[in-house]
Amino acid sequence: MEVTPPDFLSPEPVDRPYSVGLARGALITFVIQATAALVRYVVQVVFARWGGPEAYGRYTVAFTMAQLLLTPVMLGFNIAVLRFIPEYIEAGAWDLVRGVIRRSLQLPGELAVAIAIVGSAGLLALRGSIDVWQSLILG
């Protein structure tokens, strides 16, 4: 059984110039990132007004810890995917492309779940010294 790559991965030449597709992709990426930044800002302001200084402080600590833990959890897959997928597509190694995509989603996800379980267990162990339920809700 022959497996064919999806149409967007086809090595067939495209009628439009390369720069048009590149500009369109860059514009779409910019719009998505700008929209995400705006939504993030609005959520921060709304939560600061709604929760007050103490709740916003806890939210900020939880959000910062999540961002700090994101780097080791990714295991370098965010960079490896950018390097290996184009190389494997060029070589026509579709099994390797599927494997890289599958593992780049699977391994960091499993590690993130493990860290969440350990963190939740740690918060439950500190039940008497901090307000655990707000920390669990925010985290």
C-alpha atoms as a PDB file:
ATOM      1  CA  MET A   1       0.000   0.000   0.000  1.00  0.00           C
ATOM      2  CA  GLU A   2       1.544   3.283  -1.149  1.00  0.00           C
ATOM      3  CA  VAL A   3       1.246   6.281   1.148  1.00  0.00           C
ATOM      4  CA  THR A   4       1.110   9.632  -0.606  1.00  0.00           C
ATOM      5  CA  PRO A   5       1.969  12.906   1.100  1.00  0.00           C
ATOM      6  CA  PRO A   6      -0.733  15.507   1.671  1.00  0.00           C
ATOM      7  CA  ASP A   7      -1.237  18.084  -1.080  1.00  0.00           C
ATOM      8  CA  PHE A   8       0.422  20.924   0.810  1.00  0.00           C
ATOM      9  CA  LEU A   9       3.599  18.836   1.138  1.00  0.00           C
ATOM     10  CA  SER A  10       3.683  18.021  -2.548  1.00  0.00           C
ATOM     11  CA  PRO A  11       7.008  18.757  -4.247  1.00  0.00           C
ATOM     12  CA  GLU A  12       5.123  19.868  -7.380  1.00  0.00           C
ATOM     13  CA  PRO A  13       5.937  23.421  -8.504  1.00  0.00           C
ATOM     14  CA  VAL A  14       3.363  26.063  -7.655  1.00  0.00           C
ATOM     15  CA  ASP A  15       2.107  28.546 -10.255  1.00  0.00           C
ATOM     16  CA  ARG A  16       2.465  31.654  -8.106  1.00  0.00           C
ATOM     17  CA  PRO A  17       5.846  33.156  -7.262  1.00  0.00           C
ATOM     18  CA  TYR A  18       7.505  31.968  -4.072  1.00  0.00           C
ATOM     19  CA  SER A  19       7.535  35.455  -2.572  1.00  0.00           C
ATOM     20  CA  VAL A  20       3.731  35.734  -2.721  1.00  0.00           C
ATOM     21  CA  GLY A  21       3.266  32.579  -0.653  1.00  0.00           C
ATOM     22  CA  LEU A  22       6.002  33.657   1.737  1.00  0.00           C
ATOM     23  CA  ALA A  23       4.448  37.102   2.220  1.00  0.00           C
ATOM     24  CA  ARG A  24       1.003  35.591   2.776  1.00  0.00           C
ATOM     25  CA  GLY A  25       2.368  33.153   5.350  1.00  0.00           C
ATOM     26  CA  ALA A  26       4.253  35.934   7.142  1.00  0.00           C
ATOM     27  CA  LEU A  27       1.132  38.109   7.213  1.00  0.00           C
ATOM     28  CA  ILE A  28      -1.012  35.294   8.592  1.00  0.00           C
ATOM     29  CA  THR A  29       1.599  34.536  11.258  1.00  0.00           C
ATOM     30  CA  PHE A  30       1.789  38.215  12.221  1.00  0.00           C
ATOM     31  CA  VAL A  31      -1.991  38.534  12.496  1.00  0.00           C
ATOM     32  CA  ILE A  32      -2.243  35.405  14.654  1.00  0.00           C
ATOM     33  CA  GLN A  33       0.560  36.531  16.985  1.00  0.00           C
ATOM     34  CA  ALA A  34      -0.797  40.088  17.269  1.00  0.00           C
ATOM     35  CA  THR A  35      -4.281  38.769  18.034  1.00  0.00           C
ATOM     36  CA  ALA A  36      -2.879  36.410  20.673  1.00  0.00           C
ATOM     37  CA  ALA A  37      -0.953  39.279  22.293  1.00  0.00           C
ATOM     38  CA  LEU A  38      -4.083  41.437  22.364  1.00  0.00           C
ATOM     39  CA  VAL A  39      -6.191  38.653  23.879  1.00  0.00           C
ATOM     40  CA  ARG A  40      -3.466  37.970  26.460  1.00  0.00           C
ATOM     41  CA  TYR A  41      -3.383  41.675  27.400  1.00  0.00           C
ATOM     42  CA  VAL A  42      -7.170  41.907  27.720  1.00  0.00           C
ATOM     43  CA  VAL A  43      -7.285  38.770  29.885  1.00  0.00           C
ATOM     44  CA  GLN A  44      -4.556  40.173  32.141  1.00  0.00           C
ATOM     45  CA  VAL A  45      -6.413  43.476  32.612  1.00  0.00           C
ATOM     46  CA  VAL A  46      -9.803  41.825  33.181  1.00  0.00           C
ATOM     47  CA  PHE A  47      -8.361  39.354  35.670  1.00  0.00           C
ATOM     48  CA  ALA A  48      -6.476  42.097  37.533  1.00  0.00           C
ATOM     49  CA  ARG A  49      -9.695  44.129  37.859  1.00  0.00           C
ATOM     50  CA  TRP A  50     -11.861  41.146  38.730  1.00  0.00           C
ATOM     51  CA  GLY A  51      -9.569  39.308  41.144  1.00  0.00           C
ATOM     52  CA  GLY A  52      -7.888  42.121  42.986  1.00  0.00           C
ATOM     53  CA  PRO A  53      -4.201  42.421  43.874  1.00  0.00           C
ATOM     54  CA  GLU A  54      -3.853  39.175  45.834  1.00  0.00           C
ATOM     55  CA  ALA A  55      -5.572  36.953  43.263  1.00  0.00           C
ATOM     56  CA  TYR A  56      -3.731  38.652  40.401  1.00  0.00           C
ATOM     57  CA  GLY A  57      -0.435  38.099  42.195  1.00  0.00           C
ATOM     58  CA  ARG A  58      -1.176  34.383  42.553  1.00  0.00           C
ATOM     59  CA  TYR A  59      -2.216  34.205  38.914  1.00  0.00           C
ATOM     60  CA  THR A  60       1.004  35.916  37.856  1.00  0.00           C
ATOM     61  CA  VAL A  61       3.141  33.525  39.910  1.00  0.00           C
ATOM     62  CA  ALA A  62       1.294  30.488  38.494  1.00  0.00           C
ATOM     63  CA  PHE A  63       1.551  31.805  34.934  1.00  0.00           C
ATOM     64  CA  THR A  64       5.262  32.596  35.333  1.00  0.00           C
ATOM     65  CA  MET A  65       5.968  29.132  36.745  1.00  0.00           C
ATOM     66  CA  ALA A  66       4.128  27.565  33.811  1.00  0.00           C
ATOM     67  CA  GLN A  67       6.249  29.597  31.377  1.00  0.00           C
ATOM     68  CA  LEU A  68       9.465  28.631  33.186  1.00  0.00           C
ATOM     69  CA  LEU A  69       8.535  24.940  33.153  1.00  0.00           C
ATOM     70  CA  LEU A  70       7.622  25.094  29.462  1.00  0.00           C
ATOM     71  CA  THR A  71      11.236  25.323  28.300  1.00  0.00           C
ATOM     72  CA  PRO A  72      12.477  22.024  29.773  1.00  0.00           C
ATOM     73  CA  VAL A  73       9.174  20.276  29.045  1.00  0.00           C
ATOM     74  CA  MET A  74       9.508  20.942  25.310  1.00  0.00           C
ATOM     75  CA  LEU A  75      12.707  18.827  25.294  1.00  0.00           C
ATOM     76  CA  GLY A  76      13.985  20.806  22.298  1.00  0.00           C
ATOM     77  CA  PHE A  77      11.263  19.481  20.003  1.00  0.00           C
ATOM     78  CA  ASN A  78      10.144  22.992  19.040  1.00  0.00           C
ATOM     79  CA  ILE A  79      13.570  23.510  17.413  1.00  0.00           C
ATOM     80  CA  ALA A  80      14.081  19.937  16.182  1.00  0.00           C
ATOM     81  CA  VAL A  81      10.796  19.961  14.276  1.00  0.00           C
ATOM     82  CA  LEU A  82      11.901  23.032  12.327  1.00  0.00           C
ATOM     83  CA  ARG A  83      15.132  21.298  11.375  1.00  0.00           C
ATOM     84  CA  PHE A  84      14.146  17.714  10.684  1.00  0.00           C
ATOM     85  CA  ILE A  85      10.738  17.940   8.999  1.00  0.00           C
ATOM     86  CA  PRO A  86      11.936  19.929   5.953  1.00  0.00           C
ATOM     87  CA  GLU A  87      14.946  17.617   5.678  1.00  0.00           C
ATOM     88  CA  TYR A  88      12.773  14.501   5.770  1.00  0.00           C
ATOM     89  CA  ILE A  89      10.239  15.987   3.336  1.00  0.00           C
ATOM     90  CA  GLU A  90      13.033  16.763   0.887  1.00  0.00           C
ATOM     91  CA  ALA A  91      14.308  13.186   1.209  1.00  0.00           C
ATOM     92  CA  GLY A  92      10.772  11.787   0.823  1.00  0.00           C
ATOM     93  CA  ALA A  93      11.002   9.994   4.179  1.00  0.00           C
ATOM     94  CA  TRP A  94       7.329  10.262   5.096  1.00  0.00           C
ATOM     95  CA  ASP A  95       7.568   7.690   7.885  1.00  0.00           C
ATOM     96  CA  LEU A  96      10.198   9.841   9.580  1.00  0.00           C
ATOM     97  CA  VAL A  97       8.036  12.961   9.147  1.00  0.00           C
ATOM     98  CA  ARG A  98       5.098  11.221  10.824  1.00  0.00           C
ATOM     99  CA  GLY A  99       7.382   9.899  13.578  1.00  0.00           C
ATOM    100  CA  VAL A 100       8.859  13.318  14.347  1.00  0.00           C
ATOM    101  CA  ILE A 101       5.424  14.928  14.445  1.00  0.00           C
ATOM    102  CA  ARG A 102       3.978  12.157  16.613  1.00  0.00           C
ATOM    103  CA  ARG A 103       6.858  12.163  19.100  1.00  0.00           C
ATOM    104  CA  SER A 104       7.076  15.955  19.240  1.00  0.00           C
ATOM    105  CA  LEU A 105       3.491  15.988  20.496  1.00  0.00           C
ATOM    106  CA  GLN A 106       3.610  12.834  22.592  1.00  0.00           C
ATOM    107  CA  LEU A 107       6.756  13.148  24.725  1.00  0.00           C
ATOM    108  CA  PRO A 108       6.361  16.757  25.885  1.00  0.00           C
ATOM    109  CA  GLY A 109       2.696  16.065  26.627  1.00  0.00           C
ATOM    110  CA  GLU A 110       3.573  13.086  28.804  1.00  0.00           C
ATOM    111  CA  LEU A 111       6.265  15.054  30.625  1.00  0.00           C
ATOM    112  CA  ALA A 112       3.870  17.986  31.190  1.00  0.00           C
ATOM    113  CA  VAL A 113       1.275  15.647  32.711  1.00  0.00           C
ATOM    114  CA  ALA A 114       3.932  14.102  34.977  1.00  0.00           C
ATOM    115  CA  ILE A 115       5.088  17.538  36.149  1.00  0.00           C
ATOM    116  CA  ALA A 116       1.470  18.589  36.771  1.00  0.00           C
ATOM    117  CA  ILE A 117       0.866  15.484  38.883  1.00  0.00           C
ATOM    118  CA  VAL A 118       4.038  16.055  40.923  1.00  0.00           C
ATOM    119  CA  GLY A 119       3.195  19.750  41.380  1.00  0.00           C
ATOM    120  CA  SER A 120      -0.361  18.978  42.458  1.00  0.00           C
ATOM    121  CA  ALA A 121       0.879  16.362  44.913  1.00  0.00           C
ATOM    122  CA  GLY A 122       3.328  18.926  46.308  1.00  0.00           C
ATOM    123  CA  LEU A 123       0.542  21.471  46.789  1.00  0.00           C
ATOM    124  CA  LEU A 124      -1.615  18.888  48.513  1.00  0.00           C
ATOM    125  CA  ALA A 125       1.294  18.010  50.803  1.00  0.00           C
ATOM    126  CA  LEU A 126       1.527  21.701  51.801  1.00  0.00           C
ATOM    127  CA  ARG A 127      -2.174  21.805  52.547  1.00  0.00           C
ATOM    128  CA  GLY A 128      -1.893  23.527  55.937  1.00  0.00           C
ATOM    129  CA  SER A 129       0.677  26.199  55.097  1.00  0.00           C
ATOM    130  CA  ILE A 130      -0.842  27.771  51.956  1.00  0.00           C
ATOM    131  CA  ASP A 131      -4.272  28.225  50.436  1.00  0.00           C
ATOM    132  CA  VAL A 132      -4.054  25.164  48.211  1.00  0.00           C
ATOM    133  CA  TRP A 133      -7.403  25.363  46.487  1.00  0.00           C
ATOM    134  CA  GLN A 134      -6.830  28.805  45.006  1.00  0.00           C
ATOM    135  CA  SER A 135      -3.374  27.720  43.891  1.00  0.00           C
ATOM    136  CA  LEU A 136      -4.775  24.606  42.224  1.00  0.00           C
ATOM    137  CA  ILE A 137      -7.514  26.587  40.497  1.00  0.00           C
ATOM    138  CA  LEU A 138      -5.076  29.215  39.212  1.00  0.00           C
ATOM    139  CA  GLY A 139      -2.341  26.739  38.309  1.00  0.00           C
END
